[in-house]
mmCIF file of all heavy atoms, coordinates in Angstrom:
data_MODEL
# 
_entry.id   MODEL 
# 
loop_
_atom_site.group_PDB 
_atom_site.id 
_atom_site.type_symbol 
_atom_site.label_atom_id 
_atom_site.label_alt_id 
_atom_site.label_comp_id 
_atom_site.label_asym_id 
_atom_site.label_entity_id 
_atom_site.label_seq_id 
_atom_site.pdbx_PDB_ins_code 
_atom_site.Cartn_x 
_atom_site.Cartn_y 
_atom_site.Cartn_z 
_atom_site.occupancy 
_atom_site.B_iso_or_equiv 
_atom_site.pdbx_formal_charge 
_atom_site.auth_seq_id 
_atom_site.auth_comp_id 
_atom_site.auth_asym_id 
_atom_site.auth_atom_id 
_atom_site.pdbx_PDB_model_num 
ATOM 1   N N   . ASP A 1 1  ? -23.170 -18.431 9.667  1.00 0.00 ? 1  ASP A N   1 
ATOM 2   C CA  . ASP A 1 1  ? -22.514 -17.308 10.305 1.00 0.00 ? 1  ASP A CA  1 
ATOM 3   C C   . ASP A 1 1  ? -21.509 -16.569 9.354  1.00 0.00 ? 1  ASP A C   1 
ATOM 4   O O   . ASP A 1 1  ? -21.553 -15.377 9.241  1.00 0.00 ? 1  ASP A O   1 
ATOM 5   C CB  . ASP A 1 1  ? -21.866 -17.664 11.602 1.00 0.00 ? 1  ASP A CB  1 
ATOM 6   C CG  . ASP A 1 1  ? -22.754 -17.956 12.730 1.00 0.00 ? 1  ASP A CG  1 
ATOM 7   O OD1 . ASP A 1 1  ? -24.044 -17.671 12.548 1.00 0.00 ? 1  ASP A OD1 1 
ATOM 8   O OD2 . ASP A 1 1  ? -22.294 -18.509 13.750 1.00 0.00 ? 1  ASP A OD2 1 
ATOM 9   N N   . VAL A 1 2  ? -20.707 -17.336 8.648  1.00 0.00 ? 2  VAL A N   1 
ATOM 10  C CA  . VAL A 1 2  ? -19.732 -16.801 7.753  1.00 0.00 ? 2  VAL A CA  1 
ATOM 11  C C   . VAL A 1 2  ? -20.453 -16.177 6.560  1.00 0.00 ? 2  VAL A C   1 
ATOM 12  O O   . VAL A 1 2  ? -20.045 -15.093 6.085  1.00 0.00 ? 2  VAL A O   1 
ATOM 13  C CB  . VAL A 1 2  ? -18.743 -17.880 7.293  1.00 0.00 ? 2  VAL A CB  1 
ATOM 14  C CG1 . VAL A 1 2  ? -17.933 -17.395 6.143  1.00 0.00 ? 2  VAL A CG1 1 
ATOM 15  C CG2 . VAL A 1 2  ? -17.815 -18.295 8.458  1.00 0.00 ? 2  VAL A CG2 1 
ATOM 16  N N   . ASN A 1 3  ? -21.513 -16.774 6.103  1.00 0.00 ? 3  ASN A N   1 
ATOM 17  C CA  . ASN A 1 3  ? -22.293 -16.198 5.062  1.00 0.00 ? 3  ASN A CA  1 
ATOM 18  C C   . ASN A 1 3  ? -22.951 -14.918 5.466  1.00 0.00 ? 3  ASN A C   1 
ATOM 19  O O   . ASN A 1 3  ? -22.947 -13.930 4.677  1.00 0.00 ? 3  ASN A O   1 
ATOM 20  C CB  . ASN A 1 3  ? -23.410 -17.196 4.566  1.00 0.00 ? 3  ASN A CB  1 
ATOM 21  C CG  . ASN A 1 3  ? -23.192 -17.607 3.115  1.00 0.00 ? 3  ASN A CG  1 
ATOM 22  O OD1 . ASN A 1 3  ? -22.473 -16.975 2.376  1.00 0.00 ? 3  ASN A OD1 1 
ATOM 23  N ND2 . ASN A 1 3  ? -23.907 -18.592 2.758  1.00 0.00 ? 3  ASN A ND2 1 
ATOM 24  N N   . GLU A 1 4  ? -23.494 -14.859 6.581  1.00 0.00 ? 4  GLU A N   1 
ATOM 25  C CA  . GLU A 1 4  ? -24.123 -13.626 7.084  1.00 0.00 ? 4  GLU A CA  1 
ATOM 26  C C   . GLU A 1 4  ? -23.064 -12.540 7.243  1.00 0.00 ? 4  GLU A C   1 
ATOM 27  O O   . GLU A 1 4  ? -23.341 -11.363 6.889  1.00 0.00 ? 4  GLU A O   1 
ATOM 28  C CB  . GLU A 1 4  ? -24.760 -13.947 8.453  1.00 0.00 ? 4  GLU A CB  1 
ATOM 29  C CG  . GLU A 1 4  ? -25.545 -12.700 9.029  1.00 0.00 ? 4  GLU A CG  1 
ATOM 30  C CD  . GLU A 1 4  ? -26.226 -13.050 10.345 1.00 0.00 ? 4  GLU A CD  1 
ATOM 31  O OE1 . GLU A 1 4  ? -26.496 -14.277 10.601 1.00 0.00 ? 4  GLU A OE1 1 
ATOM 32  O OE2 . GLU A 1 4  ? -26.438 -12.156 11.118 1.00 0.00 ? 4  GLU A OE2 1 
ATOM 33  N N   . LEU A 1 5  ? -21.924 -12.840 7.778  1.00 0.00 ? 5  LEU A N   1 
ATOM 34  C CA  . LEU A 1 5  ? -20.838 -11.843 7.942  1.00 0.00 ? 5  LEU A CA  1 
ATOM 35  C C   . LEU A 1 5  ? -20.405 -11.325 6.625  1.00 0.00 ? 5  LEU A C   1 
ATOM 36  O O   . LEU A 1 5  ? -20.269 -10.076 6.414  1.00 0.00 ? 5  LEU A O   1 
ATOM 37  C CB  . LEU A 1 5  ? -19.654 -12.490 8.655  1.00 0.00 ? 5  LEU A CB  1 
ATOM 38  C CG  . LEU A 1 5  ? -18.518 -11.602 9.088  1.00 0.00 ? 5  LEU A CG  1 
ATOM 39  C CD1 . LEU A 1 5  ? -18.854 -10.751 10.217 1.00 0.00 ? 5  LEU A CD1 1 
ATOM 40  C CD2 . LEU A 1 5  ? -17.291 -12.466 9.377  1.00 0.00 ? 5  LEU A CD2 1 
ATOM 41  N N   . THR A 1 6  ? -20.233 -12.211 5.613  1.00 0.00 ? 6  THR A N   1 
ATOM 42  C CA  . THR A 1 6  ? -19.815 -11.758 4.247  1.00 0.00 ? 6  THR A CA  1 
ATOM 43  C C   . THR A 1 6  ? -20.847 -10.942 3.616  1.00 0.00 ? 6  THR A C   1 
ATOM 44  O O   . THR A 1 6  ? -20.524 -9.948  2.987  1.00 0.00 ? 6  THR A O   1 
ATOM 45  C CB  . THR A 1 6  ? -19.438 -13.004 3.422  1.00 0.00 ? 6  THR A CB  1 
ATOM 46  O OG1 . THR A 1 6  ? -18.430 -13.759 4.171  1.00 0.00 ? 6  THR A OG1 1 
ATOM 47  C CG2 . THR A 1 6  ? -18.897 -12.629 2.078  1.00 0.00 ? 6  THR A CG2 1 
ATOM 48  N N   . GLN A 1 7  ? -22.117 -11.334 3.730  1.00 0.00 ? 7  GLN A N   1 
ATOM 49  C CA  . GLN A 1 7  ? -23.198 -10.546 3.164  1.00 0.00 ? 7  GLN A CA  1 
ATOM 50  C C   . GLN A 1 7  ? -23.241 -9.150  3.743  1.00 0.00 ? 7  GLN A C   1 
ATOM 51  O O   . GLN A 1 7  ? -23.489 -8.172  3.033  1.00 0.00 ? 7  GLN A O   1 
ATOM 52  C CB  . GLN A 1 7  ? -24.528 -11.265 3.346  1.00 0.00 ? 7  GLN A CB  1 
ATOM 53  C CG  . GLN A 1 7  ? -24.723 -12.392 2.412  1.00 0.00 ? 7  GLN A CG  1 
ATOM 54  C CD  . GLN A 1 7  ? -25.034 -11.912 1.000  1.00 0.00 ? 7  GLN A CD  1 
ATOM 55  O OE1 . GLN A 1 7  ? -25.997 -11.196 0.711  1.00 0.00 ? 7  GLN A OE1 1 
ATOM 56  N NE2 . GLN A 1 7  ? -24.145 -12.234 0.062  1.00 0.00 ? 7  GLN A NE2 1 
ATOM 57  N N   . LEU A 1 8  ? -23.109 -9.031  5.055  1.00 0.00 ? 8  LEU A N   1 
ATOM 58  C CA  . LEU A 1 8  ? -23.159 -7.739  5.679  1.00 0.00 ? 8  LEU A CA  1 
ATOM 59  C C   . LEU A 1 8  ? -21.979 -6.867  5.256  1.00 0.00 ? 8  LEU A C   1 
ATOM 60  O O   . LEU A 1 8  ? -22.110 -5.639  4.932  1.00 0.00 ? 8  LEU A O   1 
ATOM 61  C CB  . LEU A 1 8  ? -23.180 -7.901  7.190  1.00 0.00 ? 8  LEU A CB  1 
ATOM 62  C CG  . LEU A 1 8  ? -23.887 -6.827  8.002  1.00 0.00 ? 8  LEU A CG  1 
ATOM 63  C CD1 . LEU A 1 8  ? -25.208 -6.402  7.439  1.00 0.00 ? 8  LEU A CD1 1 
ATOM 64  C CD2 . LEU A 1 8  ? -24.080 -7.256  9.415  1.00 0.00 ? 8  LEU A CD2 1 
ATOM 65  N N   . ALA A 1 9  ? -20.799 -7.464  5.124  1.00 0.00 ? 9  ALA A N   1 
ATOM 66  C CA  . ALA A 1 9  ? -19.641 -6.719  4.670  1.00 0.00 ? 9  ALA A CA  1 
ATOM 67  C C   . ALA A 1 9  ? -19.830 -6.309  3.205  1.00 0.00 ? 9  ALA A C   1 
ATOM 68  O O   . ALA A 1 9  ? -19.499 -5.163  2.846  1.00 0.00 ? 9  ALA A O   1 
ATOM 69  C CB  . ALA A 1 9  ? -18.387 -7.631  4.728  1.00 0.00 ? 9  ALA A CB  1 
ATOM 70  N N   . TRP A 1 10 ? -20.484 -7.058  2.336  1.00 0.00 ? 10 TRP A N   1 
ATOM 71  C CA  . TRP A 1 10 ? -20.767 -6.797  0.989  1.00 0.00 ? 10 TRP A CA  1 
ATOM 72  C C   . TRP A 1 10 ? -21.714 -5.569  0.925  1.00 0.00 ? 10 TRP A C   1 
ATOM 73  O O   . TRP A 1 10 ? -21.504 -4.616  0.153  1.00 0.00 ? 10 TRP A O   1 
ATOM 74  C CB  . TRP A 1 10 ? -21.346 -8.018  0.317  1.00 0.00 ? 10 TRP A CB  1 
ATOM 75  C CG  . TRP A 1 10 ? -21.708 -7.915  -1.109 1.00 0.00 ? 10 TRP A CG  1 
ATOM 76  C CD1 . TRP A 1 10 ? -20.864 -7.787  -2.166 1.00 0.00 ? 10 TRP A CD1 1 
ATOM 77  C CD2 . TRP A 1 10 ? -23.051 -8.123  -1.678 1.00 0.00 ? 10 TRP A CD2 1 
ATOM 78  N NE1 . TRP A 1 10 ? -21.503 -7.809  -3.321 1.00 0.00 ? 10 TRP A NE1 1 
ATOM 79  C CE2 . TRP A 1 10 ? -22.834 -8.041  -3.091 1.00 0.00 ? 10 TRP A CE2 1 
ATOM 80  C CE3 . TRP A 1 10 ? -24.238 -8.352  -1.193 1.00 0.00 ? 10 TRP A CE3 1 
ATOM 81  C CZ2 . TRP A 1 10 ? -23.927 -8.188  -3.944 1.00 0.00 ? 10 TRP A CZ2 1 
ATOM 82  C CZ3 . TRP A 1 10 ? -25.305 -8.528  -2.043 1.00 0.00 ? 10 TRP A CZ3 1 
ATOM 83  C CH2 . TRP A 1 10 ? -25.117 -8.419  -3.443 1.00 0.00 ? 10 TRP A CH2 1 
ATOM 84  N N   . GLN A 1 11 ? -22.777 -5.619  1.730  1.00 0.00 ? 11 GLN A N   1 
ATOM 85  C CA  . GLN A 1 11 ? -23.709 -4.467  1.735  1.00 0.00 ? 11 GLN A CA  1 
ATOM 86  C C   . GLN A 1 11 ? -23.025 -3.228  2.243  1.00 0.00 ? 11 GLN A C   1 
ATOM 87  O O   . GLN A 1 11 ? -23.312 -2.150  1.650  1.00 0.00 ? 11 GLN A O   1 
ATOM 88  C CB  . GLN A 1 11 ? -24.931 -4.804  2.608  1.00 0.00 ? 11 GLN A CB  1 
ATOM 89  C CG  . GLN A 1 11 ? -25.799 -5.918  2.102  1.00 0.00 ? 11 GLN A CG  1 
ATOM 90  C CD  . GLN A 1 11 ? -26.790 -6.416  3.073  1.00 0.00 ? 11 GLN A CD  1 
ATOM 91  O OE1 . GLN A 1 11 ? -26.883 -5.973  4.153  1.00 0.00 ? 11 GLN A OE1 1 
ATOM 92  N NE2 . GLN A 1 11 ? -27.680 -7.329  2.642  1.00 0.00 ? 11 GLN A NE2 1 
ATOM 93  N N   . ASN A 1 12 ? -22.298 -3.335  3.275  1.00 0.00 ? 12 ASN A N   1 
ATOM 94  C CA  . ASN A 1 12 ? -21.535 -2.125  3.807  1.00 0.00 ? 12 ASN A CA  1 
ATOM 95  C C   . ASN A 1 12 ? -20.556 -1.547  2.793  1.00 0.00 ? 12 ASN A C   1 
ATOM 96  O O   . ASN A 1 12 ? -20.392 -0.311  2.728  1.00 0.00 ? 12 ASN A O   1 
ATOM 97  C CB  . ASN A 1 12 ? -20.881 -2.429  5.120  1.00 0.00 ? 12 ASN A CB  1 
ATOM 98  C CG  . ASN A 1 12 ? -21.770 -2.405  6.334  1.00 0.00 ? 12 ASN A CG  1 
ATOM 99  O OD1 . ASN A 1 12 ? -22.961 -1.993  6.185  1.00 0.00 ? 12 ASN A OD1 1 
ATOM 100 N ND2 . ASN A 1 12 ? -21.297 -2.873  7.471  1.00 0.00 ? 12 ASN A ND2 1 
ATOM 101 N N   . ALA A 1 13 ? -19.856 -2.424  2.105  1.00 0.00 ? 13 ALA A N   1 
ATOM 102 C CA  . ALA A 1 13 ? -18.899 -1.953  1.101  1.00 0.00 ? 13 ALA A CA  1 
ATOM 103 C C   . ALA A 1 13 ? -19.612 -1.113  0.015  1.00 0.00 ? 13 ALA A C   1 
ATOM 104 O O   . ALA A 1 13 ? -19.104 -0.095  -0.371 1.00 0.00 ? 13 ALA A O   1 
ATOM 105 C CB  . ALA A 1 13 ? -18.170 -3.140  0.482  1.00 0.00 ? 13 ALA A CB  1 
ATOM 106 N N   . MET A 1 14 ? -20.747 -1.543  -0.435 1.00 0.00 ? 14 MET A N   1 
ATOM 107 C CA  . MET A 1 14 ? -21.441 -0.893  -1.430 1.00 0.00 ? 14 MET A CA  1 
ATOM 108 C C   . MET A 1 14 ? -22.087 0.439   -0.921 1.00 0.00 ? 14 MET A C   1 
ATOM 109 O O   . MET A 1 14 ? -22.133 1.384   -1.635 1.00 0.00 ? 14 MET A O   1 
ATOM 110 C CB  . MET A 1 14 ? -22.514 -1.752  -2.108 1.00 0.00 ? 14 MET A CB  1 
ATOM 111 C CG  . MET A 1 14 ? -21.856 -2.899  -2.996 1.00 0.00 ? 14 MET A CG  1 
ATOM 112 S SD  . MET A 1 14 ? -22.998 -3.801  -4.026 1.00 0.00 ? 14 MET A SD  1 
ATOM 113 C CE  . MET A 1 14 ? -24.055 -4.598  -2.784 1.00 0.00 ? 14 MET A CE  1 
ATOM 114 N N   . GLN A 1 15 ? -22.631 0.392   0.288  1.00 0.00 ? 15 GLN A N   1 
ATOM 115 C CA  . GLN A 1 15 ? -23.277 1.570   0.831  1.00 0.00 ? 15 GLN A CA  1 
ATOM 116 C C   . GLN A 1 15 ? -22.263 2.657   1.231  1.00 0.00 ? 15 GLN A C   1 
ATOM 117 O O   . GLN A 1 15 ? -22.480 3.822   0.971  1.00 0.00 ? 15 GLN A O   1 
ATOM 118 C CB  . GLN A 1 15 ? -24.076 1.227   2.104  1.00 0.00 ? 15 GLN A CB  1 
ATOM 119 C CG  . GLN A 1 15 ? -25.275 0.423   1.798  1.00 0.00 ? 15 GLN A CG  1 
ATOM 120 C CD  . GLN A 1 15 ? -26.057 -0.030  3.092  1.00 0.00 ? 15 GLN A CD  1 
ATOM 121 O OE1 . GLN A 1 15 ? -25.460 0.087   4.180  1.00 0.00 ? 15 GLN A OE1 1 
ATOM 122 N NE2 . GLN A 1 15 ? -27.245 -0.479  2.864  1.00 0.00 ? 15 GLN A NE2 1 
ATOM 123 N N   . THR A 1 16 ? -21.160 2.265   1.811  1.00 0.00 ? 16 THR A N   1 
ATOM 124 C CA  . THR A 1 16 ? -20.160 3.275   2.258  1.00 0.00 ? 16 THR A CA  1 
ATOM 125 C C   . THR A 1 16 ? -19.123 3.579   1.165  1.00 0.00 ? 16 THR A C   1 
ATOM 126 O O   . THR A 1 16 ? -18.360 4.576   1.353  1.00 0.00 ? 16 THR A O   1 
ATOM 127 C CB  . THR A 1 16 ? -19.352 2.770   3.483  1.00 0.00 ? 16 THR A CB  1 
ATOM 128 O OG1 . THR A 1 16 ? -18.648 1.596   3.138  1.00 0.00 ? 16 THR A OG1 1 
ATOM 129 C CG2 . THR A 1 16 ? -20.293 2.496   4.669  1.00 0.00 ? 16 THR A CG2 1 
ATOM 130 N N   . ARG A 1 17 ? -19.107 2.822   0.093  1.00 0.00 ? 17 ARG A N   1 
ATOM 131 C CA  . ARG A 1 17 ? -18.094 2.987   -1.005 1.00 0.00 ? 17 ARG A CA  1 
ATOM 132 C C   . ARG A 1 17 ? -16.728 2.876   -0.491 1.00 0.00 ? 17 ARG A C   1 
ATOM 133 O O   . ARG A 1 17 ? -15.804 3.540   -0.959 1.00 0.00 ? 17 ARG A O   1 
ATOM 134 C CB  . ARG A 1 17 ? -18.330 4.331   -1.703 1.00 0.00 ? 17 ARG A CB  1 
ATOM 135 C CG  . ARG A 1 17 ? -19.729 4.659   -2.173 1.00 0.00 ? 17 ARG A CG  1 
ATOM 136 C CD  . ARG A 1 17 ? -20.297 3.653   -3.188 1.00 0.00 ? 17 ARG A CD  1 
ATOM 137 N NE  . ARG A 1 17 ? -19.475 3.551   -4.410 1.00 0.00 ? 17 ARG A NE  1 
ATOM 138 C CZ  . ARG A 1 17 ? -19.474 2.538   -5.215 1.00 0.00 ? 17 ARG A CZ  1 
ATOM 139 N NH1 . ARG A 1 17 ? -20.254 1.451   -4.922 1.00 0.00 ? 17 ARG A NH1 1 
ATOM 140 N NH2 . ARG A 1 17 ? -18.653 2.473   -6.251 1.00 0.00 ? 17 ARG A NH2 1 
ATOM 141 N N   . LYS A 1 18 ? -16.506 1.907   0.467  1.00 0.00 ? 18 LYS A N   1 
ATOM 142 C CA  . LYS A 1 18 ? -15.158 1.672   1.047  1.00 0.00 ? 18 LYS A CA  1 
ATOM 143 C C   . LYS A 1 18 ? -14.896 0.152   0.861  1.00 0.00 ? 18 LYS A C   1 
ATOM 144 O O   . LYS A 1 18 ? -15.786 -0.654  0.898  1.00 0.00 ? 18 LYS A O   1 
ATOM 145 C CB  . LYS A 1 18 ? -15.130 2.035   2.485  1.00 0.00 ? 18 LYS A CB  1 
ATOM 146 C CG  . LYS A 1 18 ? -15.235 3.477   2.778  1.00 0.00 ? 18 LYS A CG  1 
ATOM 147 C CD  . LYS A 1 18 ? -15.148 3.787   4.232  1.00 0.00 ? 18 LYS A CD  1 
ATOM 148 C CE  . LYS A 1 18 ? -15.312 5.248   4.493  1.00 0.00 ? 18 LYS A CE  1 
ATOM 149 N NZ  . LYS A 1 18 ? -15.252 5.579   5.920  1.00 0.00 ? 18 LYS A NZ  1 
ATOM 150 N N   . ILE A 1 19 ? -13.611 -0.111  0.703  1.00 0.00 ? 19 ILE A N   1 
ATOM 151 C CA  . ILE A 1 19 ? -13.162 -1.564  0.629  1.00 0.00 ? 19 ILE A CA  1 
ATOM 152 C C   . ILE A 1 19 ? -13.320 -2.140  1.996  1.00 0.00 ? 19 ILE A C   1 
ATOM 153 O O   . ILE A 1 19 ? -12.932 -1.540  3.036  1.00 0.00 ? 19 ILE A O   1 
ATOM 154 C CB  . ILE A 1 19 ? -11.707 -1.611  0.157  1.00 0.00 ? 19 ILE A CB  1 
ATOM 155 C CG1 . ILE A 1 19 ? -11.612 -1.043  -1.280 1.00 0.00 ? 19 ILE A CG1 1 
ATOM 156 C CG2 . ILE A 1 19 ? -11.224 -3.074  0.203  1.00 0.00 ? 19 ILE A CG2 1 
ATOM 157 C CD1 . ILE A 1 19 ? -10.154 -0.873  -1.821 1.00 0.00 ? 19 ILE A CD1 1 
ATOM 158 N N   . HIS A 1 20 ? -13.916 -3.355  2.069  1.00 0.00 ? 20 HIS A N   1 
ATOM 159 C CA  . HIS A 1 20 ? -14.050 -4.010  3.371  1.00 0.00 ? 20 HIS A CA  1 
ATOM 160 C C   . HIS A 1 20 ? -13.180 -5.326  3.253  1.00 0.00 ? 20 HIS A C   1 
ATOM 161 O O   . HIS A 1 20 ? -12.990 -5.893  2.186  1.00 0.00 ? 20 HIS A O   1 
ATOM 162 C CB  . HIS A 1 20 ? -15.503 -4.377  3.617  1.00 0.00 ? 20 HIS A CB  1 
ATOM 163 C CG  . HIS A 1 20 ? -16.270 -3.187  4.176  1.00 0.00 ? 20 HIS A CG  1 
ATOM 164 N ND1 . HIS A 1 20 ? -16.378 -2.058  3.490  1.00 0.00 ? 20 HIS A ND1 1 
ATOM 165 C CD2 . HIS A 1 20 ? -16.890 -3.052  5.300  1.00 0.00 ? 20 HIS A CD2 1 
ATOM 166 C CE1 . HIS A 1 20 ? -17.136 -1.176  4.162  1.00 0.00 ? 20 HIS A CE1 1 
ATOM 167 N NE2 . HIS A 1 20 ? -17.427 -1.809  5.318  1.00 0.00 ? 20 HIS A NE2 1 
ATOM 168 N N   . LYS A 1 21 ? -12.699 -5.706  4.473  1.00 0.00 ? 21 LYS A N   1 
ATOM 169 C CA  . LYS A 1 21 ? -11.856 -6.882  4.662  1.00 0.00 ? 21 LYS A CA  1 
ATOM 170 C C   . LYS A 1 21 ? -12.489 -7.826  5.585  1.00 0.00 ? 21 LYS A C   1 
ATOM 171 O O   . LYS A 1 21 ? -12.848 -7.411  6.733  1.00 0.00 ? 21 LYS A O   1 
ATOM 172 C CB  . LYS A 1 21 ? -10.550 -6.331  5.144  1.00 0.00 ? 21 LYS A CB  1 
ATOM 173 C CG  . LYS A 1 21 ? -9.460  -7.310  5.361  1.00 0.00 ? 21 LYS A CG  1 
ATOM 174 C CD  . LYS A 1 21 ? -8.246  -6.508  5.833  1.00 0.00 ? 21 LYS A CD  1 
ATOM 175 C CE  . LYS A 1 21 ? -7.097  -7.334  6.287  1.00 0.00 ? 21 LYS A CE  1 
ATOM 176 N NZ  . LYS A 1 21 ? -5.919  -6.586  6.679  1.00 0.00 ? 21 LYS A NZ  1 
ATOM 177 N N   . VAL A 1 22 ? -12.706 -9.071  5.162  1.00 0.00 ? 22 VAL A N   1 
ATOM 178 C CA  . VAL A 1 22 ? -13.274 -10.115 5.988  1.00 0.00 ? 22 VAL A CA  1 
ATOM 179 C C   . VAL A 1 22 ? -12.042 -10.936 6.539  1.00 0.00 ? 22 VAL A C   1 
ATOM 180 O O   . VAL A 1 22 ? -11.304 -11.512 5.744  1.00 0.00 ? 22 VAL A O   1 
ATOM 181 C CB  . VAL A 1 22 ? -14.231 -11.050 5.257  1.00 0.00 ? 22 VAL A CB  1 
ATOM 182 C CG1 . VAL A 1 22 ? -14.732 -12.130 6.194  1.00 0.00 ? 22 VAL A CG1 1 
ATOM 183 C CG2 . VAL A 1 22 ? -15.408 -10.228 4.667  1.00 0.00 ? 22 VAL A CG2 1 
ATOM 184 N N   . ILE A 1 23 ? -11.803 -10.830 7.836  1.00 0.00 ? 23 ILE A N   1 
ATOM 185 C CA  . ILE A 1 23 ? -10.626 -11.452 8.487  1.00 0.00 ? 23 ILE A CA  1 
ATOM 186 C C   . ILE A 1 23 ? -11.027 -12.683 9.258  1.00 0.00 ? 23 ILE A C   1 
ATOM 187 O O   . ILE A 1 23 ? -12.068 -12.692 9.988  1.00 0.00 ? 23 ILE A O   1 
ATOM 188 C CB  . ILE A 1 23 ? -10.014 -10.442 9.435  1.00 0.00 ? 23 ILE A CB  1 
ATOM 189 C CG1 . ILE A 1 23 ? -9.663  -9.159  8.693  1.00 0.00 ? 23 ILE A CG1 1 
ATOM 190 C CG2 . ILE A 1 23 ? -8.749  -11.032 10.094 1.00 0.00 ? 23 ILE A CG2 1 
ATOM 191 C CD1 . ILE A 1 23 ? -9.320  -7.967  9.598  1.00 0.00 ? 23 ILE A CD1 1 
ATOM 192 N N   . MET A 1 24 ? -10.213 -13.743 9.156  1.00 0.00 ? 24 MET A N   1 
ATOM 193 C CA  . MET A 1 24 ? -10.421 -14.918 9.895  1.00 0.00 ? 24 MET A CA  1 
ATOM 194 C C   . MET A 1 24 ? -9.161  -15.223 10.695 1.00 0.00 ? 24 MET A C   1 
ATOM 195 O O   . MET A 1 24 ? -8.069  -15.376 10.089 1.00 0.00 ? 24 MET A O   1 
ATOM 196 C CB  . MET A 1 24 ? -10.740 -16.097 9.015  1.00 0.00 ? 24 MET A CB  1 
ATOM 197 C CG  . MET A 1 24 ? -12.023 -15.980 8.225  1.00 0.00 ? 24 MET A CG  1 
ATOM 198 S SD  . MET A 1 24 ? -12.503 -17.500 7.391  1.00 0.00 ? 24 MET A SD  1 
ATOM 199 C CE  . MET A 1 24 ? -14.161 -17.611 8.015  1.00 0.00 ? 24 MET A CE  1 
ATOM 200 N N   . ASP A 1 25 ? -9.251  -15.253 11.958 1.00 0.00 ? 25 ASP A N   1 
ATOM 201 C CA  . ASP A 1 25 ? -8.128  -15.560 12.887 1.00 0.00 ? 25 ASP A CA  1 
ATOM 202 C C   . ASP A 1 25 ? -8.281  -17.036 13.349 1.00 0.00 ? 25 ASP A C   1 
ATOM 203 O O   . ASP A 1 25 ? -9.194  -17.372 14.037 1.00 0.00 ? 25 ASP A O   1 
ATOM 204 C CB  . ASP A 1 25 ? -8.140  -14.564 14.101 1.00 0.00 ? 25 ASP A CB  1 
ATOM 205 C CG  . ASP A 1 25 ? -6.942  -14.755 15.026 1.00 0.00 ? 25 ASP A CG  1 
ATOM 206 O OD1 . ASP A 1 25 ? -6.505  -15.909 15.197 1.00 0.00 ? 25 ASP A OD1 1 
ATOM 207 O OD2 . ASP A 1 25 ? -6.476  -13.769 15.518 1.00 0.00 ? 25 ASP A OD2 1 
# 
């Protein structure tokens, strides 16, 4: 699950050209 979340954030960061933050509470 953490890998999938990080991979999706990575893809979104490159597609949207925005910095993404993976947060763990």
